[in-house]
Structures are given as structure tokens and as C-alpha cells.
């Protein structure tokens, strides 16, 4: 596993709401019994806790532009983080309303725009608990220690604390977990042995490290109500925590065991390849779609 301080980006997850309803959302959108929006004051504390962090500092959600104090968040961000270290993830909510402020805050190549309109968008499920479907526990921990999401994605701060992995943070929130570490200076200066507590708590309930199929994201719900693939035990955790999506039955239960032989057949597994292009604005999406028409 990668030390937290070697991550390219540390994310600040400013709210749990989104205007889309993707299938198998990596943020578990649709499963929050209660939503949150981080206060500007807490956002400033989060940013200051990353003083000295070598990588960039990102803003994500949910959909960040839904935050009721979005422009104040951006103003605080500009005052605390140098422009070349700011990064932004959006699905384009009210893009043209906020375009000036967004472009004032971020370098174009550090804006990651995905409105989920393309039909080839896919997500690997992250609610398939590896502990439930891999009986060989030595294999399970071998996979966890080599997780491609932890290797390439981000540590994160949300309203419940700081986490070594953004998926762990989302999982904690939708299952009423105990929360993360205290958001204080230097929390990110951790080697793998320093965050083993979170690895033990969250990784066995995740499928990020597990070679398995990716499924259509349902174009953010535009193609109709979406379902998430989950294992029975994780489904039960969601129900207990009051997940609206689970309680409506918008889940597909995965109960098939996976063995080393199954994994070896998936040599071309690309768990983080959700779409065939990178976009920074609506125009980039239109251009990409025109190329494939």
C-alpha cells in the first residue's frame, strides 16, 4: 500500500448530495440517510490540516456545485491554496452559472468534468464485500494490500474526519461508521503501518481490490432507476443505516464466490477506467461524443 503522503491529491469532500443517481456510484450516492454540507469554517480547518502535504488539494462531493455556500468555499480555497495545487471534480451542475468562478479558481487541466451523459460510462461496484465472497483469507489480504484504488485514488477529509482512502470515507458515512481521524495538522503523514486501523475496518467490506465486472452507470439515472451491486452483509449494513436506495430495493445481490482461478482469468481488468476520455468542460464532452458518433 502507498503512504498517504505520496498521494498525488488529498480530497476535501464538501457534501454528500448529487443531482445524479449513477449505478454503483463510487461515492455511494443514494445511500445517505442524512446529507451534509461542510461549513466554510470546517473547510478552512481541513485545508490548513494539509499544510505541507506534497501533493495537490482537491474539492469533491457529491456534486460540489450543489453546496449552498459554494462560492464562499471557492473564495476560502483561493486564499489558502496556491492555484497550481487546486483540483476540482464536477458533474457539471449549473456549470454556466459558476463557470467564471470555477475558471478563476482552477487551472483548466485540473478540472475533471464528467456529466455522465455518455453511454459507455461504467462503474465497478464497491459494495461487494471481499470478506463475504473470497473464502481464501490469505488471497483476500494479498488483494487488499495491492488495491489499485488505494494506489491511485486519494486520502480524504469529510465531515466525519480524515481517512486514508476516499472509498473508506464514503463507506464509513453510509454505514454509520465510527468516523475518521481528527482533522489536525500532519494527519496525512502516515505510512501503511500507521493506518492499519482503517485498513482492517473498511477494506474487508470493499471490492475495490477485487477483479470483477464493471456495470453501466445508467447515465446518472437518465436511463431510469439505477441499482447497485452489493453483497448480502453489506446490504444489511445499508438497511440498518437507513439507506433510502437499499430500502427501495434498488440493489442487486452478489452472492457468488470468487477464487484465485477466477481472478487469473481477468488479466485485463481495468477497475478505474470509467469512460474513454478526459473532459474539463461540457464542450470537451460534446467533442468526445462527436468523435464516436
C-alpha atoms as a PDB file:
ATOM      1  CA  UNK A   1       0.000   0.000   0.000  1.00  0.00           C
ATOM      2  CA  UNK A   2       1.049   3.570  -0.661  1.00  0.00           C
ATOM      3  CA  UNK A   3       1.860   6.018   2.158  1.00  0.00           C
ATOM      4  CA  UNK A   4      -0.723   8.786   2.415  1.00  0.00           C
ATOM      5  CA  UNK A   5       1.904  11.478   1.884  1.00  0.00           C
ATOM      6  CA  UNK A   6       2.749  10.004  -1.540  1.00  0.00           C
ATOM      7  CA  UNK A   7      -0.778  10.540  -2.899  1.00  0.00           C
ATOM      8  CA  UNK A   8      -0.990  12.966  -5.812  1.00  0.00           C
ATOM      9  CA  UNK A   9      -4.154  14.567  -4.401  1.00  0.00           C
ATOM     10  CA  UNK A  10      -5.790  14.806  -0.983  1.00  0.00           C
ATOM     11  CA  UNK A  11      -9.529  15.391  -1.349  1.00  0.00           C
ATOM     12  CA  UNK A  12     -11.888  17.502   0.722  1.00  0.00           C
ATOM     13  CA  UNK A  13     -15.371  16.005   0.354  1.00  0.00           C
ATOM     14  CA  UNK A  14     -17.579  19.053   0.925  1.00  0.00           C
ATOM     15  CA  UNK A  15     -21.051  17.494   0.663  1.00  0.00           C
ATOM     16  CA  UNK A  16     -22.911  14.230   0.114  1.00  0.00           C
ATOM     17  CA  UNK A  17     -25.619  15.398  -2.307  1.00  0.00           C
ATOM     18  CA  UNK A  18     -25.689  14.964  -6.085  1.00  0.00           C
ATOM     19  CA  UNK A  19     -28.151  15.815  -8.837  1.00  0.00           C
ATOM     20  CA  UNK A  20     -27.391  12.465 -10.499  1.00  0.00           C
ATOM     21  CA  UNK A  21     -28.154   8.893  -9.439  1.00  0.00           C
ATOM     22  CA  UNK A  22     -25.474   6.725 -11.029  1.00  0.00           C
ATOM     23  CA  UNK A  23     -25.488   2.964 -10.619  1.00  0.00           C
ATOM     24  CA  UNK A  24     -22.663   1.794  -8.355  1.00  0.00           C
ATOM     25  CA  UNK A  25     -21.600   5.348  -7.609  1.00  0.00           C
ATOM     26  CA  UNK A  26     -18.097   5.432  -6.128  1.00  0.00           C
ATOM     27  CA  UNK A  27     -19.421   7.933  -3.577  1.00  0.00           C
ATOM     28  CA  UNK A  28     -22.416   5.738  -2.609  1.00  0.00           C
ATOM     29  CA  UNK A  29     -24.824   8.482  -3.697  1.00  0.00           C
ATOM     30  CA  UNK A  30     -28.401   7.461  -2.946  1.00  0.00           C
ATOM     31  CA  UNK A  31     -27.495   5.624   0.251  1.00  0.00           C
ATOM     32  CA  UNK A  32     -27.127   8.592   2.623  1.00  0.00           C
ATOM     33  CA  UNK A  33     -29.892   8.592   5.202  1.00  0.00           C
ATOM     34  CA  UNK A  34     -28.909  12.167   6.063  1.00  0.00           C
ATOM     35  CA  UNK A  35     -26.971  14.589   3.883  1.00  0.00           C
ATOM     36  CA  UNK A  36     -24.313  17.018   4.984  1.00  0.00           C
ATOM     37  CA  UNK A  37     -22.689  20.143   3.604  1.00  0.00           C
ATOM     38  CA  UNK A  38     -19.357  21.064   5.177  1.00  0.00           C
ATOM     39  CA  UNK A  39     -19.294  24.526   6.744  1.00  0.00           C
ATOM     40  CA  UNK A  40     -16.867  27.069   5.345  1.00  0.00           C
ATOM     41  CA  UNK A  41     -15.151  27.133   8.726  1.00  0.00           C
ATOM     42  CA  UNK A  42     -14.643  23.346   8.717  1.00  0.00           C
ATOM     43  CA  UNK A  43     -13.421  23.551   5.141  1.00  0.00           C
ATOM     44  CA  UNK A  44     -10.765  26.042   6.193  1.00  0.00           C
ATOM     45  CA  UNK A  45      -9.695  23.734   9.057  1.00  0.00           C
ATOM     46  CA  UNK A  46      -9.461  20.858   6.563  1.00  0.00           C
ATOM     47  CA  UNK A  47      -7.291  22.857   4.176  1.00  0.00           C
ATOM     48  CA  UNK A  48      -4.992  24.060   6.940  1.00  0.00           C
ATOM     49  CA  UNK A  49      -4.545  20.489   8.173  1.00  0.00           C
ATOM     50  CA  UNK A  50      -2.925  19.750   4.802  1.00  0.00           C
ATOM     51  CA  UNK A  51      -0.245  22.390   5.197  1.00  0.00           C
ATOM     52  CA  UNK A  52       2.980  20.790   3.995  1.00  0.00           C
ATOM     53  CA  UNK A  53       1.226  17.994   2.086  1.00  0.00           C
ATOM     54  CA  UNK A  54       3.355  17.471  -1.051  1.00  0.00           C
ATOM     55  CA  UNK A  55       0.502  16.846  -3.485  1.00  0.00           C
ATOM     56  CA  UNK A  56      -2.490  18.838  -4.659  1.00  0.00           C
ATOM     57  CA  UNK A  57      -5.659  19.559  -2.658  1.00  0.00           C
ATOM     58  CA  UNK A  58      -8.944  18.698  -4.357  1.00  0.00           C
ATOM     59  CA  UNK A  59     -12.608  19.562  -3.866  1.00  0.00           C
ATOM     60  CA  UNK A  60     -15.169  16.836  -4.500  1.00  0.00           C
ATOM     61  CA  UNK A  61     -18.615  15.618  -3.421  1.00  0.00           C
ATOM     62  CA  UNK A  62     -21.348  14.547  -4.212  1.00  0.00           C
ATOM     63  CA  UNK A  63     -21.614  17.384  -6.643  1.00  0.00           C
ATOM     64  CA  UNK A  64     -19.624  20.300  -5.171  1.00  0.00           C
ATOM     65  CA  UNK A  65     -21.622  22.942  -7.051  1.00  0.00           C
ATOM     66  CA  UNK A  66     -24.720  21.933  -5.052  1.00  0.00           C
ATOM     67  CA  UNK A  67     -23.086  23.280  -1.888  1.00  0.00           C
ATOM     68  CA  UNK A  68     -25.226  26.195  -0.616  1.00  0.00           C
ATOM     69  CA  UNK A  69     -22.066  28.253   0.029  1.00  0.00           C
ATOM     70  CA  UNK A  70     -20.094  27.088  -2.992  1.00  0.00           C
ATOM     71  CA  UNK A  71     -18.726  30.495  -3.967  1.00  0.00           C
ATOM     72  CA  UNK A  72     -17.613  31.116  -0.363  1.00  0.00           C
ATOM     73  CA  UNK A  73     -15.866  27.739  -0.371  1.00  0.00           C
ATOM     74  CA  UNK A  74     -14.012  28.732  -3.544  1.00  0.00           C
ATOM     75  CA  UNK A  75     -13.057  32.118  -2.089  1.00  0.00           C
ATOM     76  CA  UNK A  76     -11.630  30.466   1.028  1.00  0.00           C
ATOM     77  CA  UNK A  77      -9.809  27.953  -1.165  1.00  0.00           C
ATOM     78  CA  UNK A  78      -8.186  30.686  -3.240  1.00  0.00           C
ATOM     79  CA  UNK A  79      -6.981  32.372  -0.071  1.00  0.00           C
ATOM     80  CA  UNK A  80      -5.406  29.232   1.361  1.00  0.00           C
ATOM     81  CA  UNK A  81      -4.121  27.120  -1.551  1.00  0.00           C
ATOM     82  CA  UNK A  82      -1.890  28.200  -4.429  1.00  0.00           C
ATOM     83  CA  UNK A  83      -3.543  27.890  -7.840  1.00  0.00           C
ATOM     84  CA  UNK A  84      -1.282  25.114  -9.139  1.00  0.00           C
ATOM     85  CA  UNK A  85      -2.255  22.916  -6.163  1.00  0.00           C
ATOM     86  CA  UNK A  86      -6.062  23.227  -6.545  1.00  0.00           C
ATOM     87  CA  UNK A  87      -8.061  20.446  -8.216  1.00  0.00           C
ATOM     88  CA  UNK A  88     -11.796  20.018  -8.864  1.00  0.00           C
ATOM     89  CA  UNK A  89     -14.245  17.165  -9.645  1.00  0.00           C
ATOM     90  CA  UNK A  90     -17.711  18.011 -11.015  1.00  0.00           C
ATOM     91  CA  UNK A  91     -20.600  16.529 -12.967  1.00  0.00           C
ATOM     92  CA  UNK A  92     -21.427  19.990 -14.290  1.00  0.00           C
ATOM     93  CA  UNK A  93     -24.340  21.111 -12.114  1.00  0.00           C
ATOM     94  CA  UNK A  94     -25.055  24.764 -13.006  1.00  0.00           C
ATOM     95  CA  UNK A  95     -21.773  24.836 -14.921  1.00  0.00           C
ATOM     96  CA  UNK A  96     -22.605  28.016 -16.816  1.00  0.00           C
ATOM     97  CA  UNK A  97     -23.779  29.767 -13.644  1.00  0.00           C
ATOM     98  CA  UNK A  98     -20.479  29.040 -11.890  1.00  0.00           C
ATOM     99  CA  UNK A  99     -18.141  28.887 -14.891  1.00  0.00           C
ATOM    100  CA  UNK A 100     -16.446  32.231 -14.169  1.00  0.00           C
ATOM    101  CA  UNK A 101     -15.768  31.360 -10.527  1.00  0.00           C
ATOM    102  CA  UNK A 102     -14.573  27.862 -11.415  1.00  0.00           C
ATOM    103  CA  UNK A 103     -12.168  29.124 -14.073  1.00  0.00           C
ATOM    104  CA  UNK A 104     -10.988  31.855 -11.725  1.00  0.00           C
ATOM    105  CA  UNK A 105     -10.100  29.197  -9.168  1.00  0.00           C
ATOM    106  CA  UNK A 106      -8.681  26.269 -11.168  1.00  0.00           C
ATOM    107  CA  UNK A 107      -6.250  25.622 -13.980  1.00  0.00           C
ATOM    108  CA  UNK A 108      -8.220  24.047 -16.861  1.00  0.00           C
ATOM    109  CA  UNK A 109      -6.263  20.790 -16.796  1.00  0.00           C
ATOM    110  CA  UNK A 110      -7.077  20.376 -13.076  1.00  0.00           C
ATOM    111  CA  UNK A 111     -10.844  20.483 -13.639  1.00  0.00           C
ATOM    112  CA  UNK A 112     -12.305  16.973 -14.041  1.00  0.00           C
ATOM    113  CA  UNK A 113     -15.729  17.183 -15.696  1.00  0.00           C
ATOM    114  CA  UNK A 114     -17.968  14.153 -16.166  1.00  0.00           C
ATOM    115  CA  UNK A 115     -21.681  14.751 -16.634  1.00  0.00           C
ATOM    116  CA  UNK A 116     -22.347  11.018 -17.193  1.00  0.00           C
ATOM    117  CA  UNK A 117     -24.161  11.557 -20.478  1.00  0.00           C
ATOM    118  CA  UNK A 118     -22.017   9.110 -22.437  1.00  0.00           C
ATOM    119  CA  UNK A 119     -23.386   5.622 -22.898  1.00  0.00           C
ATOM    120  CA  UNK A 120     -20.106   3.813 -22.311  1.00  0.00           C
ATOM    121  CA  UNK A 121     -19.740   5.043 -18.718  1.00  0.00           C
ATOM    122  CA  UNK A 122     -19.154   2.183 -16.283  1.00  0.00           C
ATOM    123  CA  UNK A 123     -18.516   1.726 -12.561  1.00  0.00           C
ATOM    124  CA  UNK A 124     -17.066  -1.220 -10.719  1.00  0.00           C
ATOM    125  CA  UNK A 125     -19.266  -1.958  -7.687  1.00  0.00           C
ATOM    126  CA  UNK A 126     -17.630  -1.054  -4.384  1.00  0.00           C
ATOM    127  CA  UNK A 127     -20.261  -2.542  -2.073  1.00  0.00           C
ATOM    128  CA  UNK A 128     -19.310  -6.149  -2.759  1.00  0.00           C
ATOM    129  CA  UNK A 129     -17.574  -7.063   0.486  1.00  0.00           C
ATOM    130  CA  UNK A 130     -14.489  -9.123  -0.338  1.00  0.00           C
ATOM    131  CA  UNK A 131     -14.689 -10.793   3.068  1.00  0.00           C
ATOM    132  CA  UNK A 132     -18.053 -12.283   2.081  1.00  0.00           C
ATOM    133  CA  UNK A 133     -17.055 -13.754  -1.265  1.00  0.00           C
ATOM    134  CA  UNK A 134     -13.371 -14.691  -1.019  1.00  0.00           C
ATOM    135  CA  UNK A 135     -13.006 -17.651   1.336  1.00  0.00           C
ATOM    136  CA  UNK A 136      -9.218 -17.771   0.983  1.00  0.00           C
ATOM    137  CA  UNK A 137      -8.291 -15.057   3.513  1.00  0.00           C
ATOM    138  CA  UNK A 138      -4.633 -15.113   2.530  1.00  0.00           C
ATOM    139  CA  UNK A 139      -5.744 -14.262  -1.005  1.00  0.00           C
ATOM    140  CA  UNK A 140      -8.116 -11.603   0.328  1.00  0.00           C
ATOM    141  CA  UNK A 141      -5.324  -9.767   2.155  1.00  0.00           C
ATOM    142  CA  UNK A 142      -2.969 -10.202  -0.795  1.00  0.00           C
ATOM    143  CA  UNK A 143      -5.522  -8.366  -2.937  1.00  0.00           C
ATOM    144  CA  UNK A 144      -6.200  -5.703  -0.305  1.00  0.00           C
ATOM    145  CA  UNK A 145      -2.501  -4.918   0.086  1.00  0.00           C
ATOM    146  CA  UNK A 146      -2.279  -4.392  -3.697  1.00  0.00           C
ATOM    147  CA  UNK A 147      -5.526  -2.387  -4.090  1.00  0.00           C
ATOM    148  CA  UNK A 148      -5.378  -0.277  -7.289  1.00  0.00           C
ATOM    149  CA  UNK A 149      -7.792   2.296  -5.875  1.00  0.00           C
ATOM    150  CA  UNK A 150      -5.650   2.954  -2.805  1.00  0.00           C
ATOM    151  CA  UNK A 151      -2.611   3.119  -5.059  1.00  0.00           C
ATOM    152  CA  UNK A 152      -4.081   5.751  -7.393  1.00  0.00           C
ATOM    153  CA  UNK A 153      -7.012   7.475  -5.693  1.00  0.00           C
ATOM    154  CA  UNK A 154      -6.962   9.844  -2.740  1.00  0.00           C
ATOM    155  CA  UNK A 155      -6.982  10.203   1.012  1.00  0.00           C
ATOM    156  CA  UNK A 156      -9.916  12.379   2.041  1.00  0.00           C
ATOM    157  CA  UNK A 157     -11.425  14.633   4.680  1.00  0.00           C
ATOM    158  CA  UNK A 158     -15.192  14.721   5.130  1.00  0.00           C
ATOM    159  CA  UNK A 159     -17.494  15.836   7.932  1.00  0.00           C
ATOM    160  CA  UNK A 160     -16.582  12.747   9.995  1.00  0.00           C
ATOM    161  CA  UNK A 161     -12.822  13.128   9.917  1.00  0.00           C
ATOM    162  CA  UNK A 162      -9.795  12.148   7.855  1.00  0.00           C
ATOM    163  CA  UNK A 163      -9.380   8.823   6.033  1.00  0.00           C
ATOM    164  CA  UNK A 164      -6.572   7.064   4.197  1.00  0.00           C
ATOM    165  CA  UNK A 165      -8.927   6.254   1.289  1.00  0.00           C
ATOM    166  CA  UNK A 166     -11.877   8.091  -0.237  1.00  0.00           C
ATOM    167  CA  UNK A 167     -13.847   4.844  -0.593  1.00  0.00           C
ATOM    168  CA  UNK A 168     -13.318   4.074   3.101  1.00  0.00           C
ATOM    169  CA  UNK A 169     -14.621   7.539   3.962  1.00  0.00           C
ATOM    170  CA  UNK A 170     -17.772   7.060   1.865  1.00  0.00           C
ATOM    171  CA  UNK A 171     -18.318   3.594   3.287  1.00  0.00           C
ATOM    172  CA  UNK A 172     -18.000   4.906   6.834  1.00  0.00           C
ATOM    173  CA  UNK A 173     -20.590   7.564   6.181  1.00  0.00           C
ATOM    174  CA  UNK A 174     -23.293   5.366   4.614  1.00  0.00           C
ATOM    175  CA  UNK A 175     -22.936   2.602   7.221  1.00  0.00           C
ATOM    176  CA  UNK A 176     -22.806   4.868  10.299  1.00  0.00           C
ATOM    177  CA  UNK A 177     -19.173   4.024  10.962  1.00  0.00           C
ATOM    178  CA  UNK A 178     -17.126   5.460  13.831  1.00  0.00           C
ATOM    179  CA  UNK A 179     -15.599   8.225  11.710  1.00  0.00           C
ATOM    180  CA  UNK A 180     -12.034   9.044  10.767  1.00  0.00           C
ATOM    181  CA  UNK A 181      -9.018  10.566  12.448  1.00  0.00           C
ATOM    182  CA  UNK A 182      -9.100  14.044  13.955  1.00  0.00           C
ATOM    183  CA  UNK A 183      -8.528  16.685  11.285  1.00  0.00           C
ATOM    184  CA  UNK A 184      -5.352  18.287  12.556  1.00  0.00           C
ATOM    185  CA  UNK A 185      -2.007  19.310  11.051  1.00  0.00           C
ATOM    186  CA  UNK A 186       0.070  16.367   9.899  1.00  0.00           C
ATOM    187  CA  UNK A 187      -2.702  13.742   9.979  1.00  0.00           C
ATOM    188  CA  UNK A 188      -1.647  12.787   6.442  1.00  0.00           C
ATOM    189  CA  UNK A 189       1.971  11.985   7.325  1.00  0.00           C
ATOM    190  CA  UNK A 190       1.309   8.256   7.627  1.00  0.00           C
ATOM    191  CA  UNK A 191       2.900   5.076   6.300  1.00  0.00           C
ATOM    192  CA  UNK A 192       0.750   1.946   5.751  1.00  0.00           C
ATOM    193  CA  UNK A 193       1.507   0.591   9.220  1.00  0.00           C
ATOM    194  CA  UNK A 194       0.173   3.860  10.657  1.00  0.00           C
ATOM    195  CA  UNK A 195      -3.267   3.490   9.066  1.00  0.00           C
ATOM    196  CA  UNK A 196      -3.725  -0.249   9.584  1.00  0.00           C
ATOM    197  CA  UNK A 197      -6.677   0.515  11.885  1.00  0.00           C
ATOM    198  CA  UNK A 198      -8.677   1.875   8.954  1.00  0.00           C
ATOM    199  CA  UNK A 199      -7.477  -0.851   6.587  1.00  0.00           C
ATOM    200  CA  UNK A 200      -8.785  -3.525   8.964  1.00  0.00           C
ATOM    201  CA  UNK A 201     -12.089  -1.715   9.453  1.00  0.00           C
ATOM    202  CA  UNK A 202     -13.020  -0.821   5.874  1.00  0.00           C
ATOM    203  CA  UNK A 203     -11.106  -2.882   3.309  1.00  0.00           C
ATOM    204  CA  UNK A 204     -12.794  -6.260   4.029  1.00  0.00           C
ATOM    205  CA  UNK A 205     -16.152  -4.580   3.270  1.00  0.00           C
ATOM    206  CA  UNK A 206     -14.997  -3.197  -0.091  1.00  0.00           C
ATOM    207  CA  UNK A 207     -14.442  -4.594  -3.585  1.00  0.00           C
ATOM    208  CA  UNK A 208     -12.030  -2.019  -4.951  1.00  0.00           C
ATOM    209  CA  UNK A 209      -9.183  -4.526  -4.851  1.00  0.00           C
ATOM    210  CA  UNK A 210     -11.275  -7.350  -6.290  1.00  0.00           C
ATOM    211  CA  UNK A 211     -11.173  -8.119 -10.032  1.00  0.00           C
ATOM    212  CA  UNK A 212     -14.814  -8.179 -11.103  1.00  0.00           C
ATOM    213  CA  UNK A 213     -17.031  -6.808 -13.884  1.00  0.00           C
ATOM    214  CA  UNK A 214     -17.906  -3.144 -14.274  1.00  0.00           C
ATOM    215  CA  UNK A 215     -21.516  -2.190 -14.952  1.00  0.00           C
ATOM    216  CA  UNK A 216     -23.180   0.690 -16.786  1.00  0.00           C
ATOM    217  CA  UNK A 217     -23.567   3.784 -14.630  1.00  0.00           C
ATOM    218  CA  UNK A 218     -27.053   4.275 -16.095  1.00  0.00           C
ATOM    219  CA  UNK A 219     -26.019   7.722 -17.343  1.00  0.00           C
ATOM    220  CA  UNK A 220     -26.592   9.175 -13.912  1.00  0.00           C
ATOM    221  CA  UNK A 221     -30.127   7.811 -13.696  1.00  0.00           C
ATOM    222  CA  UNK A 222     -31.185   9.218 -17.048  1.00  0.00           C
ATOM    223  CA  UNK A 223     -31.950   5.692 -18.262  1.00  0.00           C
ATOM    224  CA  UNK A 224     -34.277   5.024 -15.317  1.00  0.00           C
ATOM    225  CA  UNK A 225     -33.875   3.995 -11.652  1.00  0.00           C
ATOM    226  CA  UNK A 226     -30.442   2.515 -11.035  1.00  0.00           C
ATOM    227  CA  UNK A 227     -29.429  -0.490  -8.965  1.00  0.00           C
ATOM    228  CA  UNK A 228     -26.205  -1.091  -7.065  1.00  0.00           C
ATOM    229  CA  UNK A 229     -24.478  -4.457  -6.822  1.00  0.00           C
ATOM    230  CA  UNK A 230     -23.847  -5.390  -3.171  1.00  0.00           C
ATOM    231  CA  UNK A 231     -23.237  -8.483  -1.079  1.00  0.00           C
ATOM    232  CA  UNK A 232     -25.847  -9.622   1.471  1.00  0.00           C
ATOM    233  CA  UNK A 233     -23.874  -8.469   4.507  1.00  0.00           C
ATOM    234  CA  UNK A 234     -23.138  -5.030   3.088  1.00  0.00           C
ATOM    235  CA  UNK A 235     -26.780  -4.753   2.038  1.00  0.00           C
ATOM    236  CA  UNK A 236     -27.795  -5.397   5.633  1.00  0.00           C
ATOM    237  CA  UNK A 237     -25.419  -2.655   6.841  1.00  0.00           C
ATOM    238  CA  UNK A 238     -27.036  -0.222   4.413  1.00  0.00           C
ATOM    239  CA  UNK A 239     -30.535  -1.154   5.578  1.00  0.00           C
ATOM    240  CA  UNK A 240     -29.618  -0.742   9.250  1.00  0.00           C
ATOM    241  CA  UNK A 241     -28.102   2.664   8.476  1.00  0.00           C
ATOM    242  CA  UNK A 242     -31.327   3.748   6.739  1.00  0.00           C
ATOM    243  CA  UNK A 243     -30.146   3.832   3.123  1.00  0.00           C
ATOM    244  CA  UNK A 244     -33.046   5.151   1.001  1.00  0.00           C
ATOM    245  CA  UNK A 245     -31.801   3.317  -2.086  1.00  0.00           C
ATOM    246  CA  UNK A 246     -31.451  -0.017  -0.298  1.00  0.00           C
ATOM    247  CA  UNK A 247     -34.858   0.359   1.338  1.00  0.00           C
ATOM    248  CA  UNK A 248     -36.449   0.949  -2.070  1.00  0.00           C
ATOM    249  CA  UNK A 249     -34.930  -2.314  -3.257  1.00  0.00           C
ATOM    250  CA  UNK A 250     -32.599  -0.675  -5.766  1.00  0.00           C
ATOM    251  CA  UNK A 251     -29.888  -3.267  -5.274  1.00  0.00           C
ATOM    252  CA  UNK A 252     -28.759  -6.450  -6.966  1.00  0.00           C
ATOM    253  CA  UNK A 253     -27.354  -9.033  -4.581  1.00  0.00           C
ATOM    254  CA  UNK A 254     -23.993 -10.583  -5.477  1.00  0.00           C
ATOM    255  CA  UNK A 255     -23.516 -13.875  -3.649  1.00  0.00           C
ATOM    256  CA  UNK A 256     -21.149 -15.760  -5.970  1.00  0.00           C
ATOM    257  CA  UNK A 257     -17.785 -16.735  -4.510  1.00  0.00           C
ATOM    258  CA  UNK A 258     -14.603 -15.643  -6.277  1.00  0.00           C
ATOM    259  CA  UNK A 259     -11.475 -17.792  -6.322  1.00  0.00           C
ATOM    260  CA  UNK A 260      -7.874 -17.299  -7.386  1.00  0.00           C
ATOM    261  CA  UNK A 261      -8.692 -19.096 -10.648  1.00  0.00           C
ATOM    262  CA  UNK A 262     -11.491 -16.595 -11.347  1.00  0.00           C
ATOM    263  CA  UNK A 263      -9.110 -13.720 -10.731  1.00  0.00           C
ATOM    264  CA  UNK A 264      -6.430 -15.112 -13.023  1.00  0.00           C
ATOM    265  CA  UNK A 265      -8.966 -15.150 -15.865  1.00  0.00           C
ATOM    266  CA  UNK A 266      -9.368 -11.369 -15.540  1.00  0.00           C
ATOM    267  CA  UNK A 267      -5.875 -10.398 -16.607  1.00  0.00           C
ATOM    268  CA  UNK A 268      -7.143  -7.327 -18.498  1.00  0.00           C
ATOM    269  CA  UNK A 269      -9.106  -5.941 -15.506  1.00  0.00           C
ATOM    270  CA  UNK A 270      -9.232  -2.113 -15.582  1.00  0.00           C
ATOM    271  CA  UNK A 271     -11.133  -1.108 -12.435  1.00  0.00           C
ATOM    272  CA  UNK A 272     -10.630   2.645 -12.744  1.00  0.00           C
ATOM    273  CA  UNK A 273     -11.467   3.016 -16.451  1.00  0.00           C
ATOM    274  CA  UNK A 274     -14.921   4.568 -16.143  1.00  0.00           C
ATOM    275  CA  UNK A 275     -15.007   6.361 -19.515  1.00  0.00           C
ATOM    276  CA  UNK A 276     -12.986   6.605 -22.681  1.00  0.00           C
ATOM    277  CA  UNK A 277     -11.878  10.246 -22.431  1.00  0.00           C
ATOM    278  CA  UNK A 278     -10.955  13.025 -20.019  1.00  0.00           C
ATOM    279  CA  UNK A 279     -13.092  16.174 -20.030  1.00  0.00           C
ATOM    280  CA  UNK A 280     -12.677  19.590 -18.405  1.00  0.00           C
ATOM    281  CA  UNK A 281     -15.889  21.277 -19.610  1.00  0.00           C
ATOM    282  CA  UNK A 282     -19.200  20.481 -21.372  1.00  0.00           C
ATOM    283  CA  UNK A 283     -17.549  21.335 -24.688  1.00  0.00           C
ATOM    284  CA  UNK A 284     -14.966  18.587 -24.153  1.00  0.00           C
ATOM    285  CA  UNK A 285     -17.744  16.035 -23.628  1.00  0.00           C
ATOM    286  CA  UNK A 286     -19.508  17.178 -26.799  1.00  0.00           C
ATOM    287  CA  UNK A 287     -16.290  16.904 -28.798  1.00  0.00           C
ATOM    288  CA  UNK A 288     -15.619  13.393 -27.478  1.00  0.00           C
ATOM    289  CA  UNK A 289     -19.149  12.271 -28.312  1.00  0.00           C
ATOM    290  CA  UNK A 290     -18.859  13.730 -31.818  1.00  0.00           C
ATOM    291  CA  UNK A 291     -15.693  11.677 -32.374  1.00  0.00           C
ATOM    292  CA  UNK A 292     -17.541   8.456 -31.525  1.00  0.00           C
ATOM    293  CA  UNK A 293     -20.790   9.214 -33.344  1.00  0.00           C
END
